[in-house]
Protein backbone atom coordinates (compact mmCIF):
# COMPACT_ATOMS: atom_id res chain seq x y z
CA MET A 1 -26.32 -2.30 -7.11
CA LYS A 2 -24.77 -5.71 -7.87
CA ILE A 3 -22.45 -4.11 -10.41
CA LEU A 4 -21.31 -1.58 -7.83
CA ILE A 5 -20.58 -4.31 -5.29
CA ILE A 6 -18.64 -6.34 -7.87
CA PHE A 7 -16.68 -3.24 -8.89
CA VAL A 8 -15.77 -2.42 -5.28
CA TYR A 9 -14.77 -6.03 -4.65
CA LEU A 10 -12.53 -6.14 -7.71
CA LEU A 11 -10.98 -2.82 -6.84
CA THR A 12 -10.18 -3.78 -3.24
CA THR A 13 -8.86 -7.24 -4.06
CA SER A 14 -6.60 -5.97 -6.83
CA PHE A 15 -5.26 -3.24 -4.53
CA SER A 16 -4.57 -5.64 -1.68
CA TYR A 17 -2.91 -8.07 -4.09
CA ALA A 18 -0.64 -5.27 -5.34
CA LEU A 19 0.52 -4.58 -1.78
CA GLU A 20 1.48 -8.18 -1.23
CA LYS A 21 5.15 -9.02 -1.35
CA PRO A 22 6.36 -9.72 -4.86
CA ASP A 23 7.95 -13.09 -5.48
CA ILE A 24 11.52 -11.88 -4.95
CA LYS A 25 13.39 -14.18 -2.60
CA ASN A 26 15.71 -11.61 -1.01
CA LEU A 27 13.10 -8.88 -0.46
CA VAL A 28 12.38 -8.62 3.26
CA LEU A 29 9.28 -6.73 4.44
CA LEU A 30 9.23 -5.38 7.98
CA LYS A 31 6.13 -6.12 10.05
CA GLU A 32 6.33 -2.63 11.52
CA PRO A 33 8.10 0.27 9.75
CA LYS A 34 11.27 1.30 11.57
CA ASN A 35 12.23 4.90 12.25
CA TYR A 36 15.86 5.98 12.52
CA LYS A 37 17.30 9.21 13.92
CA GLY A 38 20.39 10.91 12.54
CA VAL A 39 20.72 9.17 9.20
CA ILE A 40 23.56 11.28 7.80
CA PHE A 41 25.69 10.49 4.74
CA LYS A 42 27.95 12.46 2.39
CA ASP A 43 27.65 13.45 -1.25
CA GLU A 44 30.62 13.54 -3.59
CA ASN A 45 31.51 17.07 -2.38
CA GLN A 46 31.71 15.82 1.23
CA LYS A 47 28.51 17.71 2.09
CA ASN A 48 26.39 16.07 4.80
CA LEU A 49 22.92 14.95 3.76
CA ASP A 50 20.15 13.88 6.12
CA LEU A 51 17.46 11.32 5.30
CA SER A 52 14.89 13.46 7.16
CA ASP A 53 15.27 16.14 4.47
CA TYR A 54 13.68 13.76 1.95
CA LYS A 55 10.38 13.03 3.72
CA GLY A 56 7.55 12.86 1.22
CA LYS A 57 9.66 10.81 -1.20
CA LEU A 58 10.09 7.08 -1.61
CA ILE A 59 13.78 6.48 -0.88
CA ILE A 60 16.16 3.64 -1.63
CA PHE A 61 19.58 3.52 0.01
CA ASN A 62 21.71 1.08 -1.96
CA PHE A 63 24.90 0.15 -0.10
CA TRP A 64 27.67 -0.92 -2.46
CA ALA A 65 31.43 -0.94 -3.06
CA THR A 66 33.57 -0.92 -6.21
CA TRP A 67 35.17 -4.27 -5.28
CA CYS A 68 31.76 -5.94 -4.90
CA THR A 69 31.05 -8.28 -7.83
CA PRO A 70 27.24 -8.45 -7.30
CA CYS A 71 27.19 -4.62 -7.06
CA ARG A 72 28.68 -4.43 -10.54
CA GLU A 73 25.86 -6.58 -11.83
CA GLU A 74 23.11 -4.76 -9.93
CA ILE A 75 23.93 -1.07 -10.30
CA PRO A 76 22.96 -0.68 -14.00
CA SER A 77 19.40 -1.83 -13.17
CA LEU A 78 19.34 0.57 -10.22
CA ASP A 79 20.39 3.37 -12.57
CA MET A 80 17.52 2.50 -14.92
CA LEU A 81 15.07 2.36 -12.01
CA GLN A 82 15.94 5.95 -11.08
CA SER A 83 14.91 7.09 -14.56
CA ASP A 84 11.66 5.07 -14.65
CA LYS A 85 8.86 7.61 -15.26
CA ARG A 86 6.35 5.43 -13.39
CA LEU A 87 8.28 6.12 -10.17
CA ASP A 88 8.55 9.90 -10.35
CA ASN A 89 8.66 10.31 -6.55
CA LEU A 90 11.55 7.87 -6.09
CA LYS A 91 15.01 9.02 -5.01
CA ILE A 92 17.86 6.52 -5.00
CA PHE A 93 21.05 7.05 -3.02
CA PRO A 94 23.81 4.60 -3.96
CA ILE A 95 26.02 4.81 -0.87
CA ASN A 96 29.58 3.52 -1.22
CA ILE A 97 30.77 1.88 2.01
CA GLY A 98 34.05 0.68 0.51
CA GLN A 99 36.21 3.36 2.16
CA GLU A 100 37.37 4.36 -1.31
CA ASP A 101 38.11 7.76 -2.77
CA LEU A 102 35.87 9.65 -5.18
CA SER A 103 38.01 8.92 -8.26
CA LYS A 104 37.53 5.16 -7.83
CA SER A 105 33.75 5.59 -7.53
CA LYS A 106 33.65 7.87 -10.57
CA ALA A 107 35.65 5.34 -12.60
CA PHE A 108 33.18 2.63 -11.51
CA PHE A 109 30.18 4.77 -12.60
CA LYS A 110 31.86 5.54 -15.92
CA LYS A 111 32.73 1.90 -16.59
CA TYR A 112 29.12 0.80 -15.99
CA ASN A 113 27.64 3.86 -17.78
CA ILE A 114 25.73 5.09 -14.70
CA GLN A 115 24.01 8.31 -15.74
CA ASN A 116 20.96 8.79 -13.50
CA LEU A 117 22.57 8.35 -10.09
CA ASN A 118 24.99 10.40 -8.02
CA ILE A 119 27.72 9.11 -5.74
CA TYR A 120 27.27 9.13 -1.96
CA PHE A 121 29.52 7.84 0.81
CA ASP A 122 29.43 6.19 4.21
CA SER A 123 33.19 5.76 4.41
CA THR A 124 33.10 5.65 8.22
CA ILE A 125 30.52 2.82 7.89
CA ILE A 126 28.35 4.42 10.59
CA LEU A 127 25.20 3.79 8.54
CA ALA A 128 26.26 0.26 7.72
CA LYS A 129 26.39 -0.38 11.47
CA LYS A 130 23.17 1.54 12.18
CA PHE A 131 21.26 -0.55 9.63
CA ARG A 132 23.08 -3.74 10.67
CA LEU A 133 24.18 -4.62 7.16
CA ARG A 134 25.49 -8.12 6.68
CA GLY A 135 27.02 -7.47 3.27
CA VAL A 136 26.74 -5.60 0.02
CA PRO A 137 24.77 -5.00 -1.97
CA THR A 138 21.97 -4.24 0.46
CA SER A 139 19.14 -1.83 -0.31
CA ILE A 140 17.02 -0.19 2.37
CA ILE A 141 13.61 1.08 1.22
CA PHE A 142 12.03 3.97 3.11
CA ASN A 143 8.42 5.13 2.88
CA LYS A 144 7.38 8.77 2.53
CA LYS A 145 7.58 9.20 6.32
CA GLY A 146 11.26 8.24 6.24
CA GLU A 147 10.66 4.83 7.86
CA GLU A 148 12.30 1.64 6.68
CA PHE A 149 9.58 -0.76 5.55
CA ALA A 150 11.59 -3.16 3.39
CA ARG A 151 15.08 -4.14 2.39
CA VAL A 152 16.75 -6.17 -0.29
CA VAL A 153 19.62 -8.30 0.97
CA GLY A 154 21.87 -9.18 -1.92
CA LEU A 155 21.56 -8.82 -5.64
CA ILE A 156 18.29 -8.22 -7.51
CA ASP A 157 17.24 -6.89 -10.87
CA PHE A 158 15.62 -3.55 -10.02
CA ASN A 159 13.91 -3.59 -13.43
CA ASP A 160 11.87 -6.67 -12.57
CA GLU A 161 8.30 -5.69 -13.54
CA GLU A 162 6.81 -7.37 -10.47
CA PHE A 163 9.13 -5.36 -8.21
CA ILE A 164 8.35 -2.09 -10.02
CA LYS A 165 4.58 -2.70 -9.80
CA TRP A 166 4.91 -3.37 -6.08
CA LEU A 167 7.16 -0.34 -5.50
CA LYS A 168 4.74 1.89 -7.41
CA ASN A 169 2.18 1.40 -4.63
CA PHE A 170 4.43 3.38 -2.27
CA ASN A 171 5.44 6.10 -4.73
């Protein structure tokens, strides 16, 4: 019986520790998940996509622009995160808010060898306003219900093992 109690204790404490915020200074956790209506953005063919169509998946919206120096540094790690087999239920949407044309975004992806991500747009910056972005890069993290539960304000390395372990809990 003592062994069972110890096992349960270790299991619950390690699980609760994993759900704690990783030591990443610009990761902000919301006290209550936030639900948004009408989260529409465009793919590279100008087709409208709706966040609500992706319920059941862990979603990251990464807002960026080609002129953004920290975005240039961050996007390769975001590309690698999308291909991480440990996060098989993760879908990343890099959303360009730079009011730039597709050719500029494609050149950016080619220059930085981005192979696992597609290009999306919020050229009217409606989403940037809806999410009250203060700059780029900013990443909004949505749970499987489509609710924002965290965001990253500024540059991070998305391949940080502590971040991936934490994110895995929501996958």
